[in-house]
C-alpha atoms as a PDB file:
ATOM      1  CA  MET A   1      21.846 -38.876  11.902  1.00  0.00           C
ATOM      2  CA  HIS A   2      22.529 -35.229  11.061  1.00  0.00           C
ATOM      3  CA  SER A   3      22.906 -32.392  13.488  1.00  0.00           C
ATOM      4  CA  VAL A   4      22.032 -28.861  12.467  1.00  0.00           C
ATOM      5  CA  LEU A   5      23.288 -25.686  14.094  1.00  0.00           C
ATOM      6  CA  LEU A   6      20.313 -23.345  14.269  1.00  0.00           C
ATOM      7  CA  SER A   7      20.472 -19.572  13.968  1.00  0.00           C
ATOM      8  CA  SER A   8      18.623 -17.399  16.464  1.00  0.00           C
ATOM      9  CA  ASN A   9      15.908 -16.765  13.823  1.00  0.00           C
ATOM     10  CA  GLN A  10      15.413 -20.494  13.293  1.00  0.00           C
ATOM     11  CA  THR A  11      15.283 -21.139  17.042  1.00  0.00           C
ATOM     12  CA  PHE A  12      12.674 -18.365  17.353  1.00  0.00           C
ATOM     13  CA  VAL A  13      10.551 -19.975  14.605  1.00  0.00           C
ATOM     14  CA  ILE A  14      10.749 -23.368  16.328  1.00  0.00           C
ATOM     15  CA  GLY A  15       9.496 -21.671  19.503  1.00  0.00           C
ATOM     16  CA  ILE A  16       6.591 -20.130  17.599  1.00  0.00           C
ATOM     17  CA  VAL A  17       5.667 -23.467  16.004  1.00  0.00           C
ATOM     18  CA  THR A  18       5.772 -25.161  19.414  1.00  0.00           C
ATOM     19  CA  PHE A  19       3.591 -22.447  20.994  1.00  0.00           C
ATOM     20  CA  ILE A  20       1.020 -22.641  18.183  1.00  0.00           C
ATOM     21  CA  TYR A  21       0.910 -26.430  18.406  1.00  0.00           C
ATOM     22  CA  LEU A  22       0.427 -26.404  22.174  1.00  0.00           C
ATOM     23  CA  ASN A  23      -1.936 -23.379  22.278  1.00  0.00           C
ATOM     24  CA  PRO A  24      -4.011 -23.274  19.070  1.00  0.00           C
ATOM     25  CA  GLU A  25      -6.836 -21.400  20.837  1.00  0.00           C
ATOM     26  CA  TYR A  26      -4.613 -18.291  21.010  1.00  0.00           C
ATOM     27  CA  CYS A  27      -3.975 -18.220  17.290  1.00  0.00           C
ATOM     28  CA  TYR A  28      -6.131 -17.160  14.377  1.00  0.00           C
ATOM     29  CA  SER A  29      -7.037 -20.358  12.493  1.00  0.00           C
ATOM     30  CA  GLY A  30      -4.733 -22.411  14.698  1.00  0.00           C
ATOM     31  CA  GLU A  31      -4.314 -25.418  12.406  1.00  0.00           C
ATOM     32  CA  ASN A  32      -3.901 -23.295   9.283  1.00  0.00           C
ATOM     33  CA  LEU A  33      -1.429 -21.027  11.089  1.00  0.00           C
ATOM     34  CA  LEU A  34       0.446 -24.088  12.331  1.00  0.00           C
ATOM     35  CA  ASN A  35       0.813 -25.348   8.766  1.00  0.00           C
ATOM     36  CA  LYS A  36       2.112 -21.944   7.667  1.00  0.00           C
ATOM     37  CA  ALA A  37       4.524 -21.783  10.600  1.00  0.00           C
ATOM     38  CA  ILE A  38       5.855 -25.262   9.820  1.00  0.00           C
ATOM     39  CA  LEU A  39       6.279 -24.262   6.183  1.00  0.00           C
ATOM     40  CA  TYR A  40       8.142 -21.119   7.267  1.00  0.00           C
ATOM     41  CA  LEU A  41      10.317 -23.248   9.552  1.00  0.00           C
ATOM     42  CA  PHE A  42      11.131 -25.538   6.639  1.00  0.00           C
ATOM     43  CA  ILE A  43      12.134 -22.547   4.518  1.00  0.00           C
ATOM     44  CA  CYS A  44      14.270 -21.143   7.340  1.00  0.00           C
ATOM     45  CA  LEU A  45      15.983 -24.484   7.843  1.00  0.00           C
ATOM     46  CA  SER A  46      16.616 -24.785   4.103  1.00  0.00           C
ATOM     47  CA  ILE A  47      18.904 -21.754   4.446  1.00  0.00           C
ATOM     48  CA  ASP A  48      21.439 -24.159   5.939  1.00  0.00           C
ATOM     49  CA  MET A  49      21.078 -26.509   2.970  1.00  0.00           C
ATOM     50  CA  GLU A  50      22.333 -26.146  -0.563  1.00  0.00           C
ATOM     51  CA  SER A  51      19.164 -24.852  -2.195  1.00  0.00           C
ATOM     52  CA  LYS A  52      18.509 -21.127  -2.327  1.00  0.00           C
ATOM     53  CA  ILE A  53      15.236 -19.553  -1.267  1.00  0.00           C
ATOM     54  CA  LYS A  54      13.709 -18.063  -4.410  1.00  0.00           C
ATOM     55  CA  LEU A  55      11.969 -14.725  -4.047  1.00  0.00           C
ATOM     56  CA  GLY A  56       9.415 -13.286  -6.476  1.00  0.00           C
ATOM     57  CA  MET A  57       8.511  -9.607  -6.613  1.00  0.00           C
ATOM     58  CA  VAL A  58       5.315  -8.285  -8.211  1.00  0.00           C
ATOM     59  CA  GLN A  59       4.315  -4.660  -8.717  1.00  0.00           C
ATOM     60  CA  VAL A  60       2.215  -4.404 -11.855  1.00  0.00           C
ATOM     61  CA  ASN A  61       2.278  -0.914 -13.345  1.00  0.00           C
ATOM     62  CA  ASN A  62       0.329   0.747 -16.115  1.00  0.00           C
ATOM     63  CA  SER A  63       2.010   1.311 -19.457  1.00  0.00           C
ATOM     64  CA  PHE A  64       2.014   4.762 -20.992  1.00  0.00           C
ATOM     65  CA  TYR A  65       2.646   5.151 -24.704  1.00  0.00           C
ATOM     66  CA  LYS A  66       4.043   1.576 -24.841  1.00  0.00           C
ATOM     67  CA  GLN A  67       6.599   2.406 -22.151  1.00  0.00           C
ATOM     68  CA  ASN A  68       6.991   0.462 -18.934  1.00  0.00           C
ATOM     69  CA  TYR A  69       8.770   1.785 -15.889  1.00  0.00           C
ATOM     70  CA  LEU A  70      10.524  -0.292 -13.279  1.00  0.00           C
ATOM     71  CA  PRO A  71       8.585   0.060 -10.024  1.00  0.00           C
ATOM     72  CA  LEU A  72      10.331   1.949  -7.264  1.00  0.00           C
ATOM     73  CA  ALA A  73       8.837   0.113  -4.265  1.00  0.00           C
ATOM     74  CA  ILE A  74      10.010  -3.402  -5.129  1.00  0.00           C
ATOM     75  CA  GLY A  75      13.332  -1.959  -6.290  1.00  0.00           C
ATOM     76  CA  PHE A  76      13.801  -0.449  -2.832  1.00  0.00           C
ATOM     77  CA  LEU A  77      12.806  -3.715  -1.142  1.00  0.00           C
ATOM     78  CA  GLN A  78      15.240  -5.804  -3.166  1.00  0.00           C
ATOM     79  CA  SER A  79      18.011  -3.260  -2.677  1.00  0.00           C
ATOM     80  CA  TYR A  80      17.382  -3.146   1.081  1.00  0.00           C
ATOM     81  CA  ALA A  81      17.380  -6.947   1.320  1.00  0.00           C
ATOM     82  CA  THR A  82      20.540  -7.246  -0.754  1.00  0.00           C
ATOM     83  CA  LYS A  83      22.320  -4.779   1.519  1.00  0.00           C
ATOM     84  CA  ASN A  84      21.019  -5.990   4.898  1.00  0.00           C
ATOM     85  CA  LEU A  85      20.413  -9.749   4.778  1.00  0.00           C
ATOM     86  CA  GLU A  86      23.221 -11.552   6.564  1.00  0.00           C
ATOM     87  CA  GLU A  87      23.360 -14.437   4.110  1.00  0.00           C
ATOM     88  CA  ILE A  88      22.216 -12.889   0.845  1.00  0.00           C
ATOM     89  CA  ASP A  89      23.885 -15.698  -1.096  1.00  0.00           C
ATOM     90  CA  LYS A  90      21.207 -18.043   0.281  1.00  0.00           C
ATOM     91  CA  PHE A  91      18.513 -16.123  -1.626  1.00  0.00           C
ATOM     92  CA  GLU A  92      17.794 -15.760  -5.311  1.00  0.00           C
ATOM     93  CA  PHE A  93      15.658 -12.933  -6.655  1.00  0.00           C
ATOM     94  CA  LEU A  94      13.636 -13.889  -9.712  1.00  0.00           C
ATOM     95  CA  LEU A  95      12.971 -11.311 -12.401  1.00  0.00           C
ATOM     96  CA  PRO A  96      10.261  -8.937 -11.125  1.00  0.00           C
ATOM     97  CA  ILE A  97       6.846  -8.798 -12.716  1.00  0.00           C
ATOM     98  CA  TYR A  98       5.992  -5.190 -13.454  1.00  0.00           C
ATOM     99  CA  LYS A  99       4.243  -5.295 -16.840  1.00  0.00           C
ATOM    100  CA  ARG A 100       0.602  -6.146 -17.381  1.00  0.00           C
ATOM    101  CA  ILE A 101       0.966  -9.617 -18.815  1.00  0.00           C
ATOM    102  CA  PRO A 102      -1.652 -12.389 -18.916  1.00  0.00           C
ATOM    103  CA  ILE A 103      -2.350 -13.750 -15.434  1.00  0.00           C
ATOM    104  CA  ASP A 104      -1.428 -17.322 -16.367  1.00  0.00           C
ATOM    105  CA  GLU A 105       1.907 -16.119 -17.756  1.00  0.00           C
ATOM    106  CA  ALA A 106       2.638 -14.221 -14.547  1.00  0.00           C
ATOM    107  CA  VAL A 107       1.752 -17.280 -12.461  1.00  0.00           C
ATOM    108  CA  ASN A 108       3.994 -19.518 -14.563  1.00  0.00           C
ATOM    109  CA  ASN A 109       6.862 -17.036 -14.135  1.00  0.00           C
ATOM    110  CA  LEU A 110       6.429 -17.258 -10.342  1.00  0.00           C
ATOM    111  CA  LEU A 111       6.070 -21.027  -9.956  1.00  0.00           C
ATOM    112  CA  GLU A 112       9.661 -21.546  -8.871  1.00  0.00           C
ATOM    113  CA  ALA A 113       9.414 -18.874  -6.136  1.00  0.00           C
ATOM    114  CA  ASP A 114       9.230 -19.938  -2.493  1.00  0.00           C
ATOM    115  CA  ILE A 115       8.061 -16.506  -1.309  1.00  0.00           C
ATOM    116  CA  VAL A 116       6.318 -13.885  -3.472  1.00  0.00           C
ATOM    117  CA  PHE A 117       5.965 -10.243  -2.459  1.00  0.00           C
ATOM    118  CA  PHE A 118       3.201  -8.083  -3.943  1.00  0.00           C
ATOM    119  CA  SER A 119       3.237  -4.287  -3.797  1.00  0.00           C
ATOM    120  CA  VAL A 120      -0.461  -3.421  -4.063  1.00  0.00           C
ATOM    121  CA  TYR A 121      -1.872  -0.108  -5.297  1.00  0.00           C
ATOM    122  CA  VAL A 122      -5.309   0.991  -6.513  1.00  0.00           C
ATOM    123  CA  TRP A 123      -4.274   0.431 -10.155  1.00  0.00           C
ATOM    124  CA  ASN A 124      -2.978  -3.125  -9.647  1.00  0.00           C
ATOM    125  CA  LYS A 125      -4.985  -4.572  -6.760  1.00  0.00           C
ATOM    126  CA  ASN A 126      -7.318  -6.750  -8.846  1.00  0.00           C
ATOM    127  CA  ILE A 127      -4.635  -8.211 -11.106  1.00  0.00           C
ATOM    128  CA  SER A 128      -2.224  -8.685  -8.187  1.00  0.00           C
ATOM    129  CA  PHE A 129      -4.811 -10.560  -6.136  1.00  0.00           C
ATOM    130  CA  GLU A 130      -5.771 -12.688  -9.132  1.00  0.00           C
ATOM    131  CA  ILE A 131      -2.122 -13.618  -9.728  1.00  0.00           C
ATOM    132  CA  ALA A 132      -1.658 -14.402  -6.023  1.00  0.00           C
ATOM    133  CA  LYS A 133      -4.840 -16.497  -5.878  1.00  0.00           C
ATOM    134  CA  LYS A 134      -3.948 -18.565  -8.949  1.00  0.00           C
ATOM    135  CA  LEU A 135      -0.354 -18.985  -7.785  1.00  0.00           C
ATOM    136  CA  LYS A 136      -1.578 -20.286  -4.419  1.00  0.00           C
ATOM    137  CA  GLN A 137      -3.878 -22.754  -6.235  1.00  0.00           C
ATOM    138  CA  LYS A 138      -1.010 -24.040  -8.376  1.00  0.00           C
ATOM    139  CA  LYS A 139       1.627 -23.949  -5.638  1.00  0.00           C
ATOM    140  CA  PRO A 140      -0.020 -24.012  -2.188  1.00  0.00           C
ATOM    141  CA  GLU A 141       3.325 -24.099  -0.380  1.00  0.00           C
ATOM    142  CA  ALA A 142       4.346 -20.697  -1.780  1.00  0.00           C
ATOM    143  CA  ILE A 143       4.247 -17.935   0.821  1.00  0.00           C
ATOM    144  CA  ILE A 144       2.294 -14.903  -0.424  1.00  0.00           C
ATOM    145  CA  VAL A 145       3.165 -11.556   1.180  1.00  0.00           C
ATOM    146  CA  VAL A 146       1.245  -8.355   0.343  1.00  0.00           C
ATOM    147  CA  GLY A 147       1.852  -4.748   1.260  1.00  0.00           C
ATOM    148  CA  GLY A 148       1.184  -1.286  -0.059  1.00  0.00           C
ATOM    149  CA  PRO A 149      -1.410   1.447   0.302  1.00  0.00           C
ATOM    150  CA  GLN A 150      -4.350  -0.792  -0.692  1.00  0.00           C
ATOM    151  CA  ILE A 151      -3.803  -3.154   2.225  1.00  0.00           C
ATOM    152  CA  PRO A 152      -6.019  -2.039   5.115  1.00  0.00           C
ATOM    153  CA  ASP A 153      -4.368  -1.072   8.399  1.00  0.00           C
ATOM    154  CA  ASN A 154      -7.435  -2.012  10.401  1.00  0.00           C
ATOM    155  CA  ASN A 155      -9.264  -5.349  10.522  1.00  0.00           C
ATOM    156  CA  THR A 156      -6.272  -7.336   9.243  1.00  0.00           C
ATOM    157  CA  GLU A 157      -7.823 -10.541  10.541  1.00  0.00           C
ATOM    158  CA  GLY A 158     -10.990  -9.953   8.483  1.00  0.00           C
ATOM    159  CA  PHE A 159      -8.903  -9.038   5.441  1.00  0.00           C
ATOM    160  CA  LEU A 160      -6.943 -12.300   5.727  1.00  0.00           C
ATOM    161  CA  ARG A 161     -10.152 -14.316   6.190  1.00  0.00           C
ATOM    162  CA  ASN A 162     -11.559 -12.768   3.001  1.00  0.00           C
ATOM    163  CA  HIS A 163      -8.292 -13.356   1.121  1.00  0.00           C
ATOM    164  CA  SER A 164      -7.253 -16.821   2.279  1.00  0.00           C
ATOM    165  CA  PHE A 165      -4.608 -17.066  -0.454  1.00  0.00           C
ATOM    166  CA  ILE A 166      -2.541 -14.395   1.351  1.00  0.00           C
ATOM    167  CA  ASP A 167      -0.202 -15.569   4.104  1.00  0.00           C
ATOM    168  CA  LEU A 168       1.331 -12.365   5.434  1.00  0.00           C
ATOM    169  CA  VAL A 169       0.403  -8.686   5.395  1.00  0.00           C
ATOM    170  CA  CYS A 170       2.905  -5.821   5.747  1.00  0.00           C
ATOM    171  CA  HIS A 171       1.850  -2.369   6.879  1.00  0.00           C
ATOM    172  CA  ASN A 172       3.854   0.796   6.279  1.00  0.00           C
ATOM    173  CA  GLU A 173       7.251   0.542   4.589  1.00  0.00           C
ATOM    174  CA  GLY A 174       8.210  -3.048   3.858  1.00  0.00           C
ATOM    175  CA  GLU A 175      11.856  -2.682   4.682  1.00  0.00           C
END
């Protein structure tokens, strides 16, 4: 038998999972949310294990005159995380996707990610959602997080119902 010392974040997640399990009527899509919470708990607990949590970042930009520019938003997010996460060595950032590449290629590049963050703008919303949807079909356990100006601030519940492949929505600045 193994004993595990839990961090305060992990203890908090266990409390959330317990609440959702005991009170599904208070939660949007109780069973679905429970599955997501259990998956999140598993990822949090894996921090104490040897495997790293792999993070994917997607902010598809337009190319101008065959030039591609690294996106500022996901650069800020990765920089913020690298500076502020207590155990940054437990995470691995995959190479970001910022060029318009075929959707299947983007999905294949993200298959090893545990959590994928999408920065969504008017010029990349359709391709970002298509990548996220196909990734979720190929790897249902991946956690899909979206943010950016194209994510509505109102009616988040309706937005998530219409985009069931998305797990979490961030409003305002992600960091």
